[in-house]
N, C-alpha and C. Protein backbone atom coordinates (compact mmCIF):
# COMPACT_ATOMS: atom_id res chain seq x y z
N MET A 1 -2.35 -12.17 22.65
CA MET A 1 -0.89 -11.75 22.71
C MET A 1 0.23 -13.06 22.24
N GLN A 2 -0.10 -14.30 22.88
CA GLN A 2 0.84 -15.30 22.42
C GLN A 2 0.80 -15.58 21.10
N THR A 3 -0.42 -15.49 20.38
CA THR A 3 -0.46 -15.71 18.93
C THR A 3 0.48 -14.66 18.28
N TYR A 4 0.54 -13.48 18.55
CA TYR A 4 1.34 -12.27 18.06
C TYR A 4 2.70 -12.77 18.26
N LEU A 5 3.24 -13.32 19.33
CA LEU A 5 4.57 -13.81 19.55
C LEU A 5 4.85 -14.69 18.66
N LEU A 6 3.96 -15.70 18.70
CA LEU A 6 4.38 -17.01 17.70
C LEU A 6 4.53 -16.58 16.14
N HIS A 7 3.70 -15.51 15.86
CA HIS A 7 3.60 -14.82 14.44
C HIS A 7 5.05 -14.41 14.17
N PHE A 8 5.38 -13.41 15.23
CA PHE A 8 6.59 -12.52 15.13
C PHE A 8 8.05 -13.53 15.06
N GLN A 9 7.64 -14.82 15.76
CA GLN A 9 8.97 -15.75 15.57
C GLN A 9 9.03 -16.19 14.27
N VAL A 10 8.00 -16.55 13.66
CA VAL A 10 7.82 -17.12 12.25
C VAL A 10 8.45 -15.94 11.30
N TYR A 11 8.03 -14.59 11.50
CA TYR A 11 8.77 -13.62 10.79
C TYR A 11 10.31 -13.38 11.07
N LEU A 12 10.75 -13.39 12.18
CA LEU A 12 12.14 -13.73 12.53
C LEU A 12 12.81 -15.03 11.81
N ASP A 13 12.18 -15.98 11.90
CA ASP A 13 12.89 -17.02 11.35
C ASP A 13 12.80 -17.06 9.86
N GLY A 14 11.74 -16.46 9.20
CA GLY A 14 11.77 -16.26 7.90
C GLY A 14 12.66 -15.31 7.29
N GLU A 15 13.12 -14.20 8.05
CA GLU A 15 14.18 -13.41 7.62
C GLU A 15 15.30 -14.16 7.63
N LYS A 16 15.85 -14.81 8.78
CA LYS A 16 16.74 -15.59 9.01
C LYS A 16 17.16 -16.60 8.00
N GLU A 17 16.20 -17.20 7.27
CA GLU A 17 16.23 -18.23 6.13
C GLU A 17 16.12 -17.54 4.79
N GLY A 18 15.89 -16.32 4.59
CA GLY A 18 15.97 -15.60 3.27
C GLY A 18 14.69 -15.65 2.86
N VAL A 19 13.75 -16.18 3.60
CA VAL A 19 12.20 -16.10 2.91
C VAL A 19 11.78 -14.68 2.87
N PHE A 20 11.86 -13.89 3.70
CA PHE A 20 11.46 -12.49 3.75
C PHE A 20 12.69 -11.50 3.83
N LEU A 21 12.37 -10.39 3.19
CA LEU A 21 13.59 -9.50 3.19
C LEU A 21 14.06 -8.91 4.75
N SER A 22 12.96 -8.82 5.19
CA SER A 22 13.08 -8.56 6.79
C SER A 22 11.99 -8.88 7.43
N HIS A 23 12.17 -9.13 8.87
CA HIS A 23 10.96 -9.58 9.67
C HIS A 23 9.89 -8.37 9.59
N GLN A 24 10.07 -7.23 9.13
CA GLN A 24 9.17 -6.19 9.19
C GLN A 24 8.75 -5.97 7.62
N GLN A 25 9.19 -6.57 6.74
CA GLN A 25 8.88 -6.51 5.37
C GLN A 25 8.68 -7.83 4.59
N ARG A 26 7.40 -8.22 4.71
CA ARG A 26 7.03 -9.57 4.43
C ARG A 26 6.23 -9.58 3.09
N SER A 27 6.77 -9.03 2.10
CA SER A 27 5.91 -9.09 0.66
C SER A 27 5.76 -10.47 0.28
N LEU A 28 4.75 -10.61 -0.32
CA LEU A 28 4.36 -11.86 -1.04
C LEU A 28 4.95 -11.72 -2.48
N TYR A 29 5.59 -10.68 -2.87
CA TYR A 29 6.12 -10.36 -4.19
C TYR A 29 7.61 -9.91 -4.01
N ASN A 30 8.48 -10.54 -3.37
CA ASN A 30 9.71 -10.34 -3.31
C ASN A 30 10.55 -9.97 -4.60
N VAL A 31 11.33 -9.03 -4.55
CA VAL A 31 12.47 -8.83 -5.83
C VAL A 31 13.94 -8.67 -5.30
N ASP A 32 14.61 -9.58 -5.68
CA ASP A 32 15.87 -9.61 -5.22
C ASP A 32 16.64 -8.39 -4.98
N ARG A 33 16.40 -7.40 -5.97
CA ARG A 33 17.23 -6.04 -5.98
C ARG A 33 16.80 -5.06 -4.96
N LEU A 34 15.62 -5.39 -4.20
CA LEU A 34 15.18 -4.55 -3.38
C LEU A 34 15.65 -4.71 -1.87
N THR A 35 15.91 -3.49 -1.13
CA THR A 35 16.33 -3.65 0.00
C THR A 35 15.13 -3.69 0.86
N GLY A 36 15.19 -4.34 1.84
CA GLY A 36 14.22 -4.57 3.12
C GLY A 36 14.67 -3.68 4.11
N LYS A 37 13.69 -2.63 4.60
CA LYS A 37 13.98 -1.94 5.91
C LYS A 37 12.70 -1.49 6.45
N PRO A 38 12.59 -1.13 7.69
CA PRO A 38 11.17 -0.73 8.03
C PRO A 38 10.71 0.72 7.68
N TRP A 39 11.53 1.74 7.50
CA TRP A 39 11.07 3.08 6.99
C TRP A 39 12.05 3.46 5.87
N TRP A 40 11.41 4.19 5.11
CA TRP A 40 12.15 4.79 3.84
C TRP A 40 11.74 6.27 3.94
N ASP A 41 12.98 6.87 3.77
CA ASP A 41 12.71 8.54 3.27
C ASP A 41 12.75 8.64 2.11
N LYS A 42 12.21 9.73 1.51
CA LYS A 42 12.15 9.83 0.00
C LYS A 42 13.51 10.12 -0.63
N GLU A 43 14.51 10.41 0.20
CA GLU A 43 15.99 10.57 -0.34
C GLU A 43 16.57 9.36 -0.70
N SER A 44 16.07 8.18 0.15
CA SER A 44 16.48 6.87 -0.14
C SER A 44 16.14 6.24 -1.23
N THR A 45 15.15 6.95 -2.14
CA THR A 45 14.56 6.05 -3.37
C THR A 45 14.86 7.15 -4.79
N THR A 46 14.46 6.65 -5.68
CA THR A 46 14.71 7.37 -6.71
C THR A 46 13.41 8.24 -7.19
N TYR A 47 12.43 8.18 -6.01
CA TYR A 47 11.15 8.67 -6.42
C TYR A 47 10.88 10.12 -5.70
N GLY A 48 12.01 10.70 -5.11
CA GLY A 48 12.06 12.07 -4.72
C GLY A 48 11.01 13.18 -5.15
N PRO A 49 11.37 13.24 -6.46
CA PRO A 49 10.44 14.16 -7.10
C PRO A 49 9.01 14.13 -7.04
N PHE A 50 8.62 12.80 -7.37
CA PHE A 50 7.23 12.41 -7.46
C PHE A 50 6.78 12.48 -6.08
N PHE A 51 7.35 12.22 -4.85
CA PHE A 51 7.05 12.39 -3.62
C PHE A 51 6.74 13.83 -3.14
N ASP A 52 7.62 14.71 -3.87
CA ASP A 52 7.55 16.23 -3.70
C ASP A 52 6.07 16.64 -4.34
N LEU A 53 5.79 15.99 -5.53
CA LEU A 53 4.35 16.30 -6.12
C LEU A 53 3.19 15.83 -5.26
N LEU A 54 3.49 14.73 -4.75
CA LEU A 54 2.30 14.31 -3.87
C LEU A 54 2.21 15.20 -2.65
N GLU A 55 3.31 15.53 -1.83
CA GLU A 55 3.35 16.65 -0.88
C GLU A 55 2.73 17.90 -1.26
N ALA A 56 3.17 18.47 -2.55
CA ALA A 56 2.56 19.77 -2.92
C ALA A 56 0.94 19.63 -3.23
N ASN A 57 0.44 18.43 -3.51
CA ASN A 57 -0.99 18.36 -3.82
C ASN A 57 -1.84 17.52 -2.97
N TRP A 58 -1.34 17.41 -1.76
CA TRP A 58 -2.09 16.44 -0.71
C TRP A 58 -3.59 16.87 -0.67
N ARG A 59 -3.64 18.16 -0.49
CA ARG A 59 -5.16 18.62 -0.44
C ARG A 59 -6.15 17.99 -1.35
N GLN A 60 -5.70 18.23 -2.74
CA GLN A 60 -6.41 17.97 -3.63
C GLN A 60 -6.78 16.26 -3.67
N ILE A 61 -5.65 15.57 -3.49
CA ILE A 61 -5.71 14.06 -3.23
C ILE A 61 -6.71 13.81 -2.06
N ARG A 62 -6.43 14.48 -1.18
CA ARG A 62 -7.34 14.10 -0.06
C ARG A 62 -8.73 14.45 -0.54
N ASN A 63 -9.23 15.59 -0.99
CA ASN A 63 -10.37 15.81 -1.43
C ASN A 63 -11.27 14.63 -2.09
N GLU A 64 -10.31 14.20 -3.29
CA GLU A 64 -10.79 13.25 -4.22
C GLU A 64 -11.03 11.82 -3.49
N GLY A 65 -10.30 11.53 -2.47
CA GLY A 65 -10.49 10.36 -1.67
C GLY A 65 -11.69 10.52 -0.75
N VAL A 66 -12.05 11.69 -0.11
CA VAL A 66 -13.17 12.01 0.71
C VAL A 66 -14.25 11.94 -0.19
N ALA A 67 -14.30 12.57 -1.22
CA ALA A 67 -15.40 12.48 -2.13
C ALA A 67 -15.90 11.03 -2.70
N LEU A 68 -14.79 9.89 -2.56
CA LEU A 68 -15.18 8.50 -3.03
C LEU A 68 -16.01 7.94 -2.00
N LEU A 69 -15.76 8.38 -0.71
CA LEU A 69 -16.32 7.65 0.49
C LEU A 69 -17.72 7.69 0.41
N THR A 70 -18.53 8.57 -0.22
CA THR A 70 -19.83 8.56 -0.56
C THR A 70 -20.47 7.52 -1.42
N LEU A 71 -19.46 6.90 -2.19
CA LEU A 71 -19.89 6.06 -3.44
C LEU A 71 -19.83 4.64 -2.80
N GLU A 72 -20.60 3.63 -3.28
CA GLU A 72 -20.75 2.42 -2.80
C GLU A 72 -19.77 1.48 -3.88
N ALA A 73 -19.12 0.53 -3.31
CA ALA A 73 -18.53 -0.47 -4.02
C ALA A 73 -19.29 -0.95 -5.32
N PRO A 74 -18.72 -1.28 -6.42
CA PRO A 74 -17.35 -1.12 -6.75
C PRO A 74 -16.87 0.18 -7.28
N GLU A 75 -17.79 1.20 -7.27
CA GLU A 75 -17.56 2.53 -7.83
C GLU A 75 -16.62 3.20 -6.79
N GLY A 76 -16.89 2.97 -5.71
CA GLY A 76 -15.99 3.67 -4.57
C GLY A 76 -15.09 2.69 -3.91
N PHE A 77 -14.89 3.00 -2.51
CA PHE A 77 -13.96 2.06 -1.74
C PHE A 77 -14.61 0.60 -1.54
N ALA A 78 -14.03 -0.28 -1.53
CA ALA A 78 -14.33 -1.89 -1.57
C ALA A 78 -13.79 -2.42 -0.29
N ASP A 79 -14.35 -3.62 0.27
CA ASP A 79 -13.60 -4.20 1.37
C ASP A 79 -12.38 -4.64 0.80
N GLU A 80 -11.15 -4.70 1.77
CA GLU A 80 -9.85 -5.25 1.23
C GLU A 80 -10.02 -6.60 0.75
N SER A 81 -9.20 -6.78 -0.17
CA SER A 81 -9.50 -8.15 -0.99
C SER A 81 -8.40 -9.36 -0.79
N GLU A 82 -7.46 -9.17 -0.17
CA GLU A 82 -6.47 -10.05 -0.05
C GLU A 82 -6.76 -10.73 1.28
N LYS A 83 -7.66 -10.24 2.10
CA LYS A 83 -7.99 -11.12 3.68
C LYS A 83 -6.85 -10.86 4.46
N LEU A 84 -6.25 -9.69 4.56
CA LEU A 84 -5.13 -9.13 5.32
C LEU A 84 -5.45 -8.87 6.85
N ARG A 85 -6.73 -8.45 6.86
CA ARG A 85 -7.26 -7.90 8.10
C ARG A 85 -7.65 -8.65 9.02
N ASP A 86 -7.11 -8.59 10.41
CA ASP A 86 -7.66 -9.34 11.46
C ASP A 86 -8.85 -8.88 12.15
N SER A 87 -9.11 -7.48 12.16
CA SER A 87 -10.06 -6.99 12.65
C SER A 87 -10.36 -5.50 12.31
N GLY A 88 -11.51 -5.11 12.50
CA GLY A 88 -11.72 -3.70 12.07
C GLY A 88 -12.32 -3.60 10.62
N ASP A 89 -12.44 -2.43 9.99
CA ASP A 89 -12.89 -2.28 8.86
C ASP A 89 -11.83 -1.72 7.85
N TRP A 90 -11.31 -2.47 6.92
CA TRP A 90 -10.22 -1.93 6.00
C TRP A 90 -10.74 -1.90 4.64
N LYS A 91 -10.88 -0.55 4.15
CA LYS A 91 -11.29 -0.55 2.74
C LYS A 91 -10.10 -0.25 1.91
N GLN A 92 -10.43 -0.28 0.57
CA GLN A 92 -9.31 0.11 -0.23
C GLN A 92 -10.06 0.75 -1.73
N PHE A 93 -9.35 1.59 -2.42
CA PHE A 93 -9.82 1.96 -3.59
C PHE A 93 -8.79 1.74 -4.67
N GLU A 94 -8.73 0.70 -5.50
CA GLU A 94 -7.53 0.35 -6.23
C GLU A 94 -7.45 1.09 -7.60
N ILE A 95 -6.29 1.75 -7.89
CA ILE A 95 -5.91 2.52 -9.06
C ILE A 95 -4.83 1.54 -9.84
N PHE A 96 -4.13 0.80 -9.01
CA PHE A 96 -3.26 -0.21 -9.62
C PHE A 96 -3.31 -1.40 -8.53
N ALA A 97 -3.59 -2.78 -9.25
CA ALA A 97 -3.36 -3.85 -8.39
C ALA A 97 -2.82 -4.96 -9.16
N GLN A 98 -1.94 -5.55 -8.52
CA GLN A 98 -1.20 -6.54 -9.08
C GLN A 98 -0.66 -6.45 -10.49
N GLY A 99 -0.15 -5.19 -10.60
CA GLY A 99 0.48 -4.67 -11.92
C GLY A 99 -0.63 -4.16 -13.00
N ARG A 100 -1.55 -4.03 -12.52
CA ARG A 100 -2.94 -3.81 -13.75
C ARG A 100 -3.38 -2.34 -13.30
N LYS A 101 -3.55 -1.54 -14.26
CA LYS A 101 -4.35 -0.02 -13.77
C LYS A 101 -5.63 -0.34 -13.93
N ASN A 102 -6.50 0.24 -13.29
CA ASN A 102 -7.82 0.01 -13.20
C ASN A 102 -8.31 1.65 -13.73
N ALA A 103 -8.54 1.64 -14.89
CA ALA A 103 -8.80 2.85 -15.80
C ALA A 103 -10.14 3.46 -15.28
N ALA A 104 -11.09 2.68 -14.87
CA ALA A 104 -12.38 3.35 -14.36
C ALA A 104 -12.29 4.21 -13.06
N HIS A 105 -11.38 3.50 -12.17
CA HIS A 105 -10.96 4.27 -10.95
C HIS A 105 -10.02 5.56 -11.31
N CYS A 106 -9.14 5.42 -12.07
CA CYS A 106 -8.37 6.35 -12.42
C CYS A 106 -9.04 7.58 -12.88
N THR A 107 -10.34 7.52 -13.37
CA THR A 107 -11.12 8.73 -13.92
C THR A 107 -11.72 9.41 -12.56
N LYS A 108 -11.91 8.79 -11.57
CA LYS A 108 -12.38 9.33 -10.30
C LYS A 108 -11.56 9.93 -9.34
N VAL A 109 -10.16 9.89 -9.96
CA VAL A 109 -9.16 10.67 -9.15
C VAL A 109 -7.97 11.46 -10.28
N ILE A 110 -8.67 12.20 -10.79
CA ILE A 110 -8.01 12.97 -11.77
C ILE A 110 -6.63 13.70 -11.38
N ASN A 111 -6.90 14.28 -10.14
CA ASN A 111 -5.59 15.05 -9.74
C ASN A 111 -4.41 14.23 -9.50
N LEU A 112 -4.83 13.11 -8.87
CA LEU A 112 -3.71 11.97 -8.33
C LEU A 112 -3.17 11.44 -9.84
N HIS A 113 -4.14 11.18 -10.68
CA HIS A 113 -3.85 10.38 -11.89
C HIS A 113 -2.87 11.20 -12.68
N ASN A 114 -2.98 12.67 -12.76
CA ASN A 114 -2.39 13.47 -13.51
C ASN A 114 -0.98 13.89 -13.11
N LEU A 115 -0.59 13.59 -11.74
CA LEU A 115 0.71 13.50 -11.21
C LEU A 115 1.70 12.77 -11.90
């Protein structure tokens, strides 16, 4: 618990000094024009229509994701790659990573990709 409090204080200090957009939004890739806040609703973004598509198609997207769980890495989910995990099991299936599209993975999530 004490380690958490120490980390939290660093986040608060980083926000105060302008290193982080907020203590709750600590991106490694800050963009000056972005607003930092802990929760966004779709009306606060320019992506509302896209979020509506995601909501309307969530079952197909879920089914694609569940089907990927049977595949081994690198074809399916792989261990989280940026070493952000403290404990537990964190897997990811990268469609876009660091600004680059993973075309091979996109072919495995056709419903999501076609949105």
